Amino acid sequence: MSEPAVVYEKKDGVAIVRMNRPQVRNAMNAEMLCRLSDAWQDVNDDPEVRCAILTGTGDEAFCAGADLGEFIPMMQGFKPPKDEWDERAKADPGIIFKGLLRGYDVTKPLLAAVNGHSYAGGTEILQATDIRVVADDARLAISEVKRSLFPMGGSTVRLVRQIPWAIAMEILLTGEPITAQEAHRIGFVNRVVPRAQVLPEALRIAAILAENGPLAVQAVKKSVLAGSGLSIEAALGKELEIGIPVSASEDAREGPRAFKEKRKAVYKGR
């Protein structure tokens, strides 16, 4: 029996979502996107999960984007569905966008541990993550135009909101890769570390997030997403709407109490 295209694990409040097709540089097929969709749903639904990490298997690539020999021809109608995953994706194309986190928000913090090169859909899904740790020898590109394809994972909307316009347009229109160091310089990623330290560093950050008050953490992310694109006045209104219930929660009483008593806070998510 072959290994699943996504390996999903949970430990100590942290979910690890690992794209697992190293033989094709973790290229996305229907199975991977369906399993990613299911994983995101579980991250949101499981109250024990405080944050999640997206990474890839192997030493070469985080994700090479869509599988051009298998997935794209099937979705274009040039190849028939070959298994239940293809059938599922063909019957419900929305699951592809959910897997790519296009139009679907993970409500908990989502970290990326970019263990190698990231191209096309790999860099598109990266834009849906909150904190990004990248291998120092990795290269990143939104390379769809090289194959006369459109970056349907949201890059024409998200990238220009995350980095300066001119830099985003060069990345989108040329399809050329940038180095991890350049990605850090332009503010697209948080950390650039040696490859062997990528997942440990992401886990270190995740452990910090997992110890924070889950209601407060999730409300902060919700407020940032809700306020995006609104006027400052409207966004501040949203912030109050989201923040006041957190301030009235049991966890909000526990945090200051634990600080005063010089002990570790025990948050219950209520």
C-alpha atoms as a PDB file:
ATOM      1  CA  MET A   1       0.000   0.000   0.000  1.00  0.00           C
ATOM      2  CA  SER A   2       1.424   3.410  -1.000  1.00  0.00           C
ATOM      3  CA  GLU A   3       1.909   6.174   1.537  1.00  0.00           C
ATOM      4  CA  PRO A   4      -0.719   8.928   1.701  1.00  0.00           C
ATOM      5  CA  ALA A   5      -0.023  12.122  -0.223  1.00  0.00           C
ATOM      6  CA  VAL A   6      -0.382  14.064   3.038  1.00  0.00           C
ATOM      7  CA  VAL A   7       0.773  12.908   6.463  1.00  0.00           C
ATOM      8  CA  TYR A   8      -1.219  14.519   9.276  1.00  0.00           C
ATOM      9  CA  GLU A   9      -0.061  14.334  12.891  1.00  0.00           C
ATOM     10  CA  LYS A  10      -1.012  16.068  16.117  1.00  0.00           C
ATOM     11  CA  LYS A  11       1.065  16.383  19.287  1.00  0.00           C
ATOM     12  CA  ASP A  12       1.071  18.797  22.235  1.00  0.00           C
ATOM     13  CA  GLY A  13      -1.462  21.098  20.608  1.00  0.00           C
ATOM     14  CA  VAL A  14       0.461  21.363  17.331  1.00  0.00           C
ATOM     15  CA  ALA A  15      -0.761  19.803  14.078  1.00  0.00           C
ATOM     16  CA  ILE A  16       1.858  18.978  11.448  1.00  0.00           C
ATOM     17  CA  VAL A  17       0.599  18.787   7.873  1.00  0.00           C
ATOM     18  CA  ARG A  18       3.262  17.233   5.654  1.00  0.00           C
ATOM     19  CA  MET A  19       2.954  17.138   1.865  1.00  0.00           C
ATOM     20  CA  ASN A  20       4.222  13.663   1.072  1.00  0.00           C
ATOM     21  CA  ARG A  21       5.043  13.015  -2.579  1.00  0.00           C
ATOM     22  CA  PRO A  22       8.835  13.414  -2.522  1.00  0.00           C
ATOM     23  CA  GLN A  23       9.255  11.339  -5.689  1.00  0.00           C
ATOM     24  CA  VAL A  24       7.690  14.244  -7.633  1.00  0.00           C
ATOM     25  CA  ARG A  25       8.968  17.051  -5.367  1.00  0.00           C
ATOM     26  CA  ASN A  26       5.679  17.078  -3.447  1.00  0.00           C
ATOM     27  CA  ALA A  27       3.716  18.138  -6.532  1.00  0.00           C
ATOM     28  CA  MET A  28       0.020  18.527  -5.840  1.00  0.00           C
ATOM     29  CA  ASN A  29      -2.404  15.944  -7.192  1.00  0.00           C
ATOM     30  CA  ALA A  30      -6.065  15.388  -6.382  1.00  0.00           C
ATOM     31  CA  GLU A  31      -5.273  13.168  -3.401  1.00  0.00           C
ATOM     32  CA  MET A  32      -2.950  15.752  -1.871  1.00  0.00           C
ATOM     33  CA  LEU A  33      -5.433  18.593  -2.275  1.00  0.00           C
ATOM     34  CA  CYS A  34      -8.319  16.534  -0.896  1.00  0.00           C
ATOM     35  CA  ARG A  35      -6.238  15.444   2.083  1.00  0.00           C
ATOM     36  CA  LEU A  36      -5.050  19.023   2.667  1.00  0.00           C
ATOM     37  CA  SER A  37      -8.671  20.143   2.635  1.00  0.00           C
ATOM     38  CA  ASP A  38      -9.555  17.507   5.217  1.00  0.00           C
ATOM     39  CA  ALA A  39      -6.571  18.465   7.364  1.00  0.00           C
ATOM     40  CA  TRP A  40      -7.507  22.149   7.420  1.00  0.00           C
ATOM     41  CA  GLN A  41     -11.025  21.242   8.454  1.00  0.00           C
ATOM     42  CA  ASP A  42      -9.704  19.145  11.329  1.00  0.00           C
ATOM     43  CA  VAL A  43      -7.320  21.894  12.462  1.00  0.00           C
ATOM     44  CA  ASN A  44     -10.275  24.244  12.703  1.00  0.00           C
ATOM     45  CA  ASP A  45     -12.609  21.723  14.330  1.00  0.00           C
ATOM     46  CA  ASP A  46     -10.301  20.181  16.957  1.00  0.00           C
ATOM     47  CA  PRO A  47     -10.241  22.375  20.082  1.00  0.00           C
ATOM     48  CA  GLU A  48      -7.037  20.680  21.229  1.00  0.00           C
ATOM     49  CA  VAL A  49      -5.134  22.016  18.194  1.00  0.00           C
ATOM     50  CA  ARG A  50      -3.617  25.394  19.003  1.00  0.00           C
ATOM     51  CA  CYS A  51      -1.638  25.904  15.782  1.00  0.00           C
ATOM     52  CA  ALA A  52      -0.480  24.034  12.675  1.00  0.00           C
ATOM     53  CA  ILE A  53       2.682  23.662  10.613  1.00  0.00           C
ATOM     54  CA  LEU A  54       2.712  23.001   6.872  1.00  0.00           C
ATOM     55  CA  THR A  55       5.859  21.350   5.519  1.00  0.00           C
ATOM     56  CA  GLY A  56       7.054  18.892   2.890  1.00  0.00           C
ATOM     57  CA  THR A  57       8.764  15.501   2.845  1.00  0.00           C
ATOM     58  CA  GLY A  58      12.299  15.142   1.554  1.00  0.00           C
ATOM     59  CA  ASP A  59      15.416  17.228   1.079  1.00  0.00           C
ATOM     60  CA  GLU A  60      14.647  18.743  -2.310  1.00  0.00           C
ATOM     61  CA  ALA A  61      11.319  20.522  -2.314  1.00  0.00           C
ATOM     62  CA  PHE A  62       8.630  22.014  -0.130  1.00  0.00           C
ATOM     63  CA  CYS A  63       6.207  21.802  -3.071  1.00  0.00           C
ATOM     64  CA  ALA A  64       6.690  22.004  -6.833  1.00  0.00           C
ATOM     65  CA  GLY A  65       3.112  23.155  -7.440  1.00  0.00           C
ATOM     66  CA  ALA A  66       0.449  21.236  -9.311  1.00  0.00           C
ATOM     67  CA  ASP A  67       1.376  17.924 -10.917  1.00  0.00           C
ATOM     68  CA  LEU A  68       1.555  18.984 -14.570  1.00  0.00           C
ATOM     69  CA  GLY A  69       1.616  15.445 -15.907  1.00  0.00           C
ATOM     70  CA  GLU A  70      -1.237  14.067 -13.822  1.00  0.00           C
ATOM     71  CA  PHE A  71      -3.478  16.546 -12.069  1.00  0.00           C
ATOM     72  CA  ILE A  72      -3.689  19.430 -14.552  1.00  0.00           C
ATOM     73  CA  PRO A  73      -4.543  17.233 -17.592  1.00  0.00           C
ATOM     74  CA  MET A  74      -7.201  15.436 -15.535  1.00  0.00           C
ATOM     75  CA  MET A  75      -8.834  18.699 -14.461  1.00  0.00           C
ATOM     76  CA  GLN A  76      -8.625  20.026 -18.022  1.00  0.00           C
ATOM     77  CA  GLY A  77     -10.515  16.941 -19.227  1.00  0.00           C
ATOM     78  CA  PHE A  78      -7.643  15.454 -21.225  1.00  0.00           C
ATOM     79  CA  LYS A  79      -7.280  12.465 -18.878  1.00  0.00           C
ATOM     80  CA  PRO A  80     -10.056  10.515 -17.157  1.00  0.00           C
ATOM     81  CA  PRO A  81     -10.170  10.338 -13.342  1.00  0.00           C
ATOM     82  CA  LYS A  82      -8.104   7.337 -12.212  1.00  0.00           C
ATOM     83  CA  ASP A  83      -9.126   6.948  -8.558  1.00  0.00           C
ATOM     84  CA  GLU A  84     -11.556   8.109  -5.901  1.00  0.00           C
ATOM     85  CA  TRP A  85      -9.468  11.237  -5.213  1.00  0.00           C
ATOM     86  CA  ASP A  86      -9.681  12.342  -8.839  1.00  0.00           C
ATOM     87  CA  GLU A  87     -13.410  11.659  -8.792  1.00  0.00           C
ATOM     88  CA  ARG A  88     -13.830  13.703  -5.612  1.00  0.00           C
ATOM     89  CA  ALA A  89     -11.875  16.665  -6.997  1.00  0.00           C
ATOM     90  CA  LYS A  90     -13.681  16.512 -10.325  1.00  0.00           C
ATOM     91  CA  ALA A  91     -17.092  16.391  -8.641  1.00  0.00           C
ATOM     92  CA  ASP A  92     -16.297  19.258  -6.261  1.00  0.00           C
ATOM     93  CA  PRO A  93     -13.636  21.658  -7.626  1.00  0.00           C
ATOM     94  CA  GLY A  94     -14.125  23.787  -4.517  1.00  0.00           C
ATOM     95  CA  ILE A  95     -12.169  21.201  -2.563  1.00  0.00           C
ATOM     96  CA  ILE A  96      -9.102  22.126  -4.616  1.00  0.00           C
ATOM     97  CA  PHE A  97      -9.368  25.755  -3.545  1.00  0.00           C
ATOM     98  CA  LYS A  98      -9.957  24.720   0.055  1.00  0.00           C
ATOM     99  CA  GLY A  99      -6.839  22.546  -0.069  1.00  0.00           C
ATOM    100  CA  LEU A 100      -4.892  25.541  -1.408  1.00  0.00           C
ATOM    101  CA  LEU A 101      -6.466  27.766   1.277  1.00  0.00           C
ATOM    102  CA  ARG A 102      -8.014  29.972  -1.377  1.00  0.00           C
ATOM    103  CA  GLY A 103     -11.159  31.373   0.186  1.00  0.00           C
ATOM    104  CA  TYR A 104     -10.887  29.159   3.255  1.00  0.00           C
ATOM    105  CA  ASP A 105      -9.212  30.424   6.432  1.00  0.00           C
ATOM    106  CA  VAL A 106      -7.463  28.301   9.016  1.00  0.00           C
ATOM    107  CA  THR A 107      -8.666  29.880  12.251  1.00  0.00           C
ATOM    108  CA  LYS A 108      -5.566  28.905  14.239  1.00  0.00           C
ATOM    109  CA  PRO A 109      -2.038  30.219  13.511  1.00  0.00           C
ATOM    110  CA  LEU A 110      -0.524  28.460  10.506  1.00  0.00           C
ATOM    111  CA  LEU A 111       3.240  28.213  10.155  1.00  0.00           C
ATOM    112  CA  ALA A 112       5.193  27.143   7.085  1.00  0.00           C
ATOM    113  CA  ALA A 113       8.388  25.079   7.405  1.00  0.00           C
ATOM    114  CA  VAL A 114       9.722  25.435   3.878  1.00  0.00           C
ATOM    115  CA  ASN A 115      12.223  22.586   3.679  1.00  0.00           C
ATOM    116  CA  GLY A 116      13.213  23.145   0.041  1.00  0.00           C
ATOM    117  CA  HIS A 117      12.266  24.768  -3.238  1.00  0.00           C
ATOM    118  CA  SER A 118       8.730  26.137  -3.539  1.00  0.00           C
ATOM    119  CA  TYR A 119       7.183  26.771  -6.932  1.00  0.00           C
ATOM    120  CA  ALA A 120       3.786  27.730  -8.334  1.00  0.00           C
ATOM    121  CA  GLY A 121       1.063  26.307  -6.060  1.00  0.00           C
ATOM    122  CA  GLY A 122       3.670  25.709  -3.354  1.00  0.00           C
ATOM    123  CA  THR A 123       4.324  29.443  -3.120  1.00  0.00           C
ATOM    124  CA  GLU A 124       0.639  30.203  -3.512  1.00  0.00           C
ATOM    125  CA  ILE A 125      -0.346  28.198  -0.445  1.00  0.00           C
ATOM    126  CA  LEU A 126       2.598  29.773   1.372  1.00  0.00           C
ATOM    127  CA  GLN A 127       0.794  33.107   1.159  1.00  0.00           C
ATOM    128  CA  ALA A 128      -2.012  31.707   3.340  1.00  0.00           C
ATOM    129  CA  THR A 129       0.391  30.985   6.210  1.00  0.00           C
ATOM    130  CA  ASP A 130       1.063  33.388   9.059  1.00  0.00           C
ATOM    131  CA  ILE A 131       4.694  32.691   9.985  1.00  0.00           C
ATOM    132  CA  ARG A 132       7.238  31.338   7.480  1.00  0.00           C
ATOM    133  CA  VAL A 133      10.553  29.575   8.156  1.00  0.00           C
ATOM    134  CA  VAL A 134      12.579  28.810   5.022  1.00  0.00           C
ATOM    135  CA  ALA A 135      15.684  26.776   4.242  1.00  0.00           C
ATOM    136  CA  ASP A 136      18.636  28.988   3.326  1.00  0.00           C
ATOM    137  CA  ASP A 137      19.181  27.184   0.013  1.00  0.00           C
ATOM    138  CA  ALA A 138      15.510  27.246  -1.044  1.00  0.00           C
ATOM    139  CA  ARG A 139      14.202  29.143  -4.039  1.00  0.00           C
ATOM    140  CA  LEU A 140      10.640  30.400  -4.362  1.00  0.00           C
ATOM    141  CA  ALA A 141       8.631  31.226  -7.467  1.00  0.00           C
ATOM    142  CA  ILE A 142       5.116  31.729  -8.752  1.00  0.00           C
ATOM    143  CA  SER A 143       5.998  30.113 -12.035  1.00  0.00           C
ATOM    144  CA  GLU A 144       2.614  29.417 -13.671  1.00  0.00           C
ATOM    145  CA  VAL A 145       3.142  31.921 -16.500  1.00  0.00           C
ATOM    146  CA  LYS A 146       6.150  29.883 -17.631  1.00  0.00           C
ATOM    147  CA  ARG A 147       3.645  27.170 -18.636  1.00  0.00           C
ATOM    148  CA  SER A 148       0.955  29.602 -19.844  1.00  0.00           C
ATOM    149  CA  LEU A 149      -1.101  28.819 -16.752  1.00  0.00           C
ATOM    150  CA  PHE A 150      -2.837  31.250 -14.411  1.00  0.00           C
ATOM    151  CA  PRO A 151      -1.944  31.230 -10.692  1.00  0.00           C
ATOM    152  CA  MET A 152      -5.396  30.243  -9.439  1.00  0.00           C
ATOM    153  CA  GLY A 153      -4.339  29.863  -5.813  1.00  0.00           C
ATOM    154  CA  GLY A 154      -4.921  33.531  -5.033  1.00  0.00           C
ATOM    155  CA  SER A 155      -1.515  35.047  -5.779  1.00  0.00           C
ATOM    156  CA  THR A 156      -2.796  37.888  -7.957  1.00  0.00           C
ATOM    157  CA  VAL A 157      -4.787  39.050  -4.934  1.00  0.00           C
ATOM    158  CA  ARG A 158      -2.651  38.100  -1.936  1.00  0.00           C
ATOM    159  CA  LEU A 159       0.914  38.756  -3.045  1.00  0.00           C
ATOM    160  CA  VAL A 160       0.438  42.462  -3.773  1.00  0.00           C
ATOM    161  CA  ARG A 161      -0.994  42.838  -0.258  1.00  0.00           C
ATOM    162  CA  GLN A 162       1.959  41.126   1.399  1.00  0.00           C
ATOM    163  CA  ILE A 163       4.946  42.703  -0.372  1.00  0.00           C
ATOM    164  CA  PRO A 164       5.543  45.911  -2.386  1.00  0.00           C
ATOM    165  CA  TRP A 165       3.614  46.209  -5.665  1.00  0.00           C
ATOM    166  CA  ALA A 166       6.550  46.391  -8.060  1.00  0.00           C
ATOM    167  CA  ILE A 167       8.308  43.408  -6.501  1.00  0.00           C
ATOM    168  CA  ALA A 168       5.094  41.367  -6.495  1.00  0.00           C
ATOM    169  CA  MET A 169       4.427  42.192 -10.134  1.00  0.00           C
ATOM    170  CA  GLU A 170       7.931  41.151 -11.173  1.00  0.00           C
ATOM    171  CA  ILE A 171       7.534  37.824  -9.366  1.00  0.00           C
ATOM    172  CA  LEU A 172       4.087  37.223 -10.901  1.00  0.00           C
ATOM    173  CA  LEU A 173       4.861  38.309 -14.453  1.00  0.00           C
ATOM    174  CA  THR A 174       8.324  36.809 -14.937  1.00  0.00           C
ATOM    175  CA  GLY A 175       7.764  33.542 -13.070  1.00  0.00           C
ATOM    176  CA  GLU A 176      11.436  33.695 -12.097  1.00  0.00           C
ATOM    177  CA  PRO A 177      12.524  32.288  -8.710  1.00  0.00           C
ATOM    178  CA  ILE A 178      13.936  34.342  -5.871  1.00  0.00           C
ATOM    179  CA  THR A 179      16.301  33.137  -3.173  1.00  0.00           C
ATOM    180  CA  ALA A 180      15.301  32.605   0.436  1.00  0.00           C
ATOM    181  CA  GLN A 181      17.496  35.567   1.352  1.00  0.00           C
ATOM    182  CA  GLU A 182      15.664  37.823  -1.105  1.00  0.00           C
ATOM    183  CA  ALA A 183      12.311  36.560   0.179  1.00  0.00           C
ATOM    184  CA  HIS A 184      13.422  37.567   3.675  1.00  0.00           C
ATOM    185  CA  ARG A 185      14.699  40.967   2.520  1.00  0.00           C
ATOM    186  CA  ILE A 186      11.341  41.878   0.977  1.00  0.00           C
ATOM    187  CA  GLY A 187       9.445  40.691   4.061  1.00  0.00           C
ATOM    188  CA  PHE A 188       7.820  37.641   2.494  1.00  0.00           C
ATOM    189  CA  VAL A 189       9.279  35.192   5.052  1.00  0.00           C
ATOM    190  CA  ASN A 190      10.172  35.457   8.737  1.00  0.00           C
ATOM    191  CA  ARG A 191      13.258  33.273   9.158  1.00  0.00           C
ATOM    192  CA  VAL A 192      15.964  31.834   6.909  1.00  0.00           C
ATOM    193  CA  VAL A 193      17.823  28.965   8.558  1.00  0.00           C
ATOM    194  CA  PRO A 194      19.915  25.951   7.535  1.00  0.00           C
ATOM    195  CA  ARG A 195      17.744  23.222   6.040  1.00  0.00           C
ATOM    196  CA  ALA A 196      18.152  20.888   9.034  1.00  0.00           C
ATOM    197  CA  GLN A 197      16.829  23.614  11.338  1.00  0.00           C
ATOM    198  CA  VAL A 198      13.683  24.490   9.396  1.00  0.00           C
ATOM    199  CA  LEU A 199      11.214  22.181  11.135  1.00  0.00           C
ATOM    200  CA  PRO A 200      12.850  22.517  14.595  1.00  0.00           C
ATOM    201  CA  GLU A 201      12.604  26.303  14.331  1.00  0.00           C
ATOM    202  CA  ALA A 202       8.967  26.108  13.238  1.00  0.00           C
ATOM    203  CA  LEU A 203       8.241  23.736  16.117  1.00  0.00           C
ATOM    204  CA  ARG A 204       9.972  26.134  18.540  1.00  0.00           C
ATOM    205  CA  ILE A 205       7.717  28.986  17.436  1.00  0.00           C
ATOM    206  CA  ALA A 206       4.663  26.722  17.440  1.00  0.00           C
ATOM    207  CA  ALA A 207       5.367  25.718  21.043  1.00  0.00           C
ATOM    208  CA  ILE A 208       5.288  29.385  22.057  1.00  0.00           C
ATOM    209  CA  LEU A 209       1.984  29.901  20.264  1.00  0.00           C
ATOM    210  CA  ALA A 210       0.505  26.737  21.775  1.00  0.00           C
ATOM    211  CA  GLU A 211       1.195  28.022  25.292  1.00  0.00           C
ATOM    212  CA  ASN A 212      -0.563  31.329  24.714  1.00  0.00           C
ATOM    213  CA  GLY A 213      -4.249  31.792  25.439  1.00  0.00           C
ATOM    214  CA  PRO A 214      -6.035  30.055  22.541  1.00  0.00           C
ATOM    215  CA  LEU A 215      -9.039  32.373  22.588  1.00  0.00           C
ATOM    216  CA  ALA A 216      -6.795  35.434  22.406  1.00  0.00           C
ATOM    217  CA  VAL A 217      -4.547  33.970  19.701  1.00  0.00           C
ATOM    218  CA  GLN A 218      -7.428  32.919  17.482  1.00  0.00           C
ATOM    219  CA  ALA A 219      -9.230  36.217  18.044  1.00  0.00           C
ATOM    220  CA  VAL A 220      -6.120  38.180  17.029  1.00  0.00           C
ATOM    221  CA  LYS A 221      -5.925  36.254  13.759  1.00  0.00           C
ATOM    222  CA  LYS A 222      -9.671  36.619  13.200  1.00  0.00           C
ATOM    223  CA  SER A 223      -9.451  40.375  13.769  1.00  0.00           C
ATOM    224  CA  VAL A 224      -6.545  40.789  11.360  1.00  0.00           C
ATOM    225  CA  LEU A 225      -8.385  38.846   8.636  1.00  0.00           C
ATOM    226  CA  ALA A 226     -11.697  40.597   9.283  1.00  0.00           C
ATOM    227  CA  GLY A 227     -10.116  44.045   9.175  1.00  0.00           C
ATOM    228  CA  SER A 228      -8.201  43.484   5.958  1.00  0.00           C
ATOM    229  CA  GLY A 229      -9.551  45.768   3.244  1.00  0.00           C
ATOM    230  CA  LEU A 230     -11.808  47.721   5.604  1.00  0.00           C
ATOM    231  CA  SER A 231     -11.398  51.352   6.530  1.00  0.00           C
ATOM    232  CA  ILE A 232      -9.515  51.963   9.781  1.00  0.00           C
ATOM    233  CA  GLU A 233     -12.765  52.991  11.476  1.00  0.00           C
ATOM    234  CA  ALA A 234     -14.601  49.865  10.361  1.00  0.00           C
ATOM    235  CA  ALA A 235     -11.645  47.622  11.223  1.00  0.00           C
ATOM    236  CA  LEU A 236     -11.417  49.116  14.711  1.00  0.00           C
ATOM    237  CA  GLY A 237     -15.106  48.366  15.156  1.00  0.00           C
ATOM    238  CA  LYS A 238     -14.459  44.760  14.162  1.00  0.00           C
ATOM    239  CA  GLU A 239     -11.557  44.622  16.602  1.00  0.00           C
ATOM    240  CA  LEU A 240     -13.821  45.596  19.498  1.00  0.00           C
ATOM    241  CA  GLU A 241     -16.512  43.177  18.377  1.00  0.00           C
ATOM    242  CA  ILE A 242     -14.006  40.318  18.356  1.00  0.00           C
ATOM    243  CA  GLY A 243     -11.849  41.352  21.305  1.00  0.00           C
ATOM    244  CA  ILE A 244     -14.403  42.187  24.011  1.00  0.00           C
ATOM    245  CA  PRO A 245     -15.695  38.598  24.433  1.00  0.00           C
ATOM    246  CA  VAL A 246     -12.104  37.389  24.828  1.00  0.00           C
ATOM    247  CA  SER A 247     -11.471  39.956  27.562  1.00  0.00           C
ATOM    248  CA  ALA A 248     -14.536  38.656  29.408  1.00  0.00           C
ATOM    249  CA  SER A 249     -13.490  35.000  29.197  1.00  0.00           C
ATOM    250  CA  GLU A 250     -12.356  32.616  31.901  1.00  0.00           C
ATOM    251  CA  ASP A 251      -8.941  32.414  30.233  1.00  0.00           C
ATOM    252  CA  ALA A 252      -8.604  36.207  30.457  1.00  0.00           C
ATOM    253  CA  ARG A 253      -8.967  35.910  34.218  1.00  0.00           C
ATOM    254  CA  GLU A 254      -6.568  32.972  34.411  1.00  0.00           C
ATOM    255  CA  GLY A 255      -3.730  34.732  32.569  1.00  0.00           C
ATOM    256  CA  PRO A 256      -3.252  37.687  34.948  1.00  0.00           C
ATOM    257  CA  ARG A 257      -3.927  35.424  37.959  1.00  0.00           C
ATOM    258  CA  ALA A 258      -1.167  33.025  36.900  1.00  0.00           C
ATOM    259  CA  PHE A 259       1.212  35.925  36.349  1.00  0.00           C
ATOM    260  CA  LYS A 260       0.501  37.290  39.822  1.00  0.00           C
ATOM    261  CA  GLU A 261       0.927  33.844  41.387  1.00  0.00           C
ATOM    262  CA  LYS A 262       4.169  33.252  39.437  1.00  0.00           C
ATOM    263  CA  ARG A 263       2.971  30.035  37.819  1.00  0.00           C
ATOM    264  CA  LYS A 264       2.242  28.730  34.346  1.00  0.00           C
ATOM    265  CA  ALA A 265      -1.234  29.612  33.155  1.00  0.00           C
ATOM    266  CA  VAL A 266      -3.664  26.786  32.473  1.00  0.00           C
ATOM    267  CA  TYR A 267      -5.897  27.876  29.621  1.00  0.00           C
ATOM    268  CA  LYS A 268      -9.116  26.008  28.880  1.00  0.00           C
ATOM    269  CA  GLY A 269     -10.285  27.851  25.787  1.00  0.00           C
ATOM    270  CA  ARG A 270     -13.286  29.375  27.464  1.00  0.00           C
END
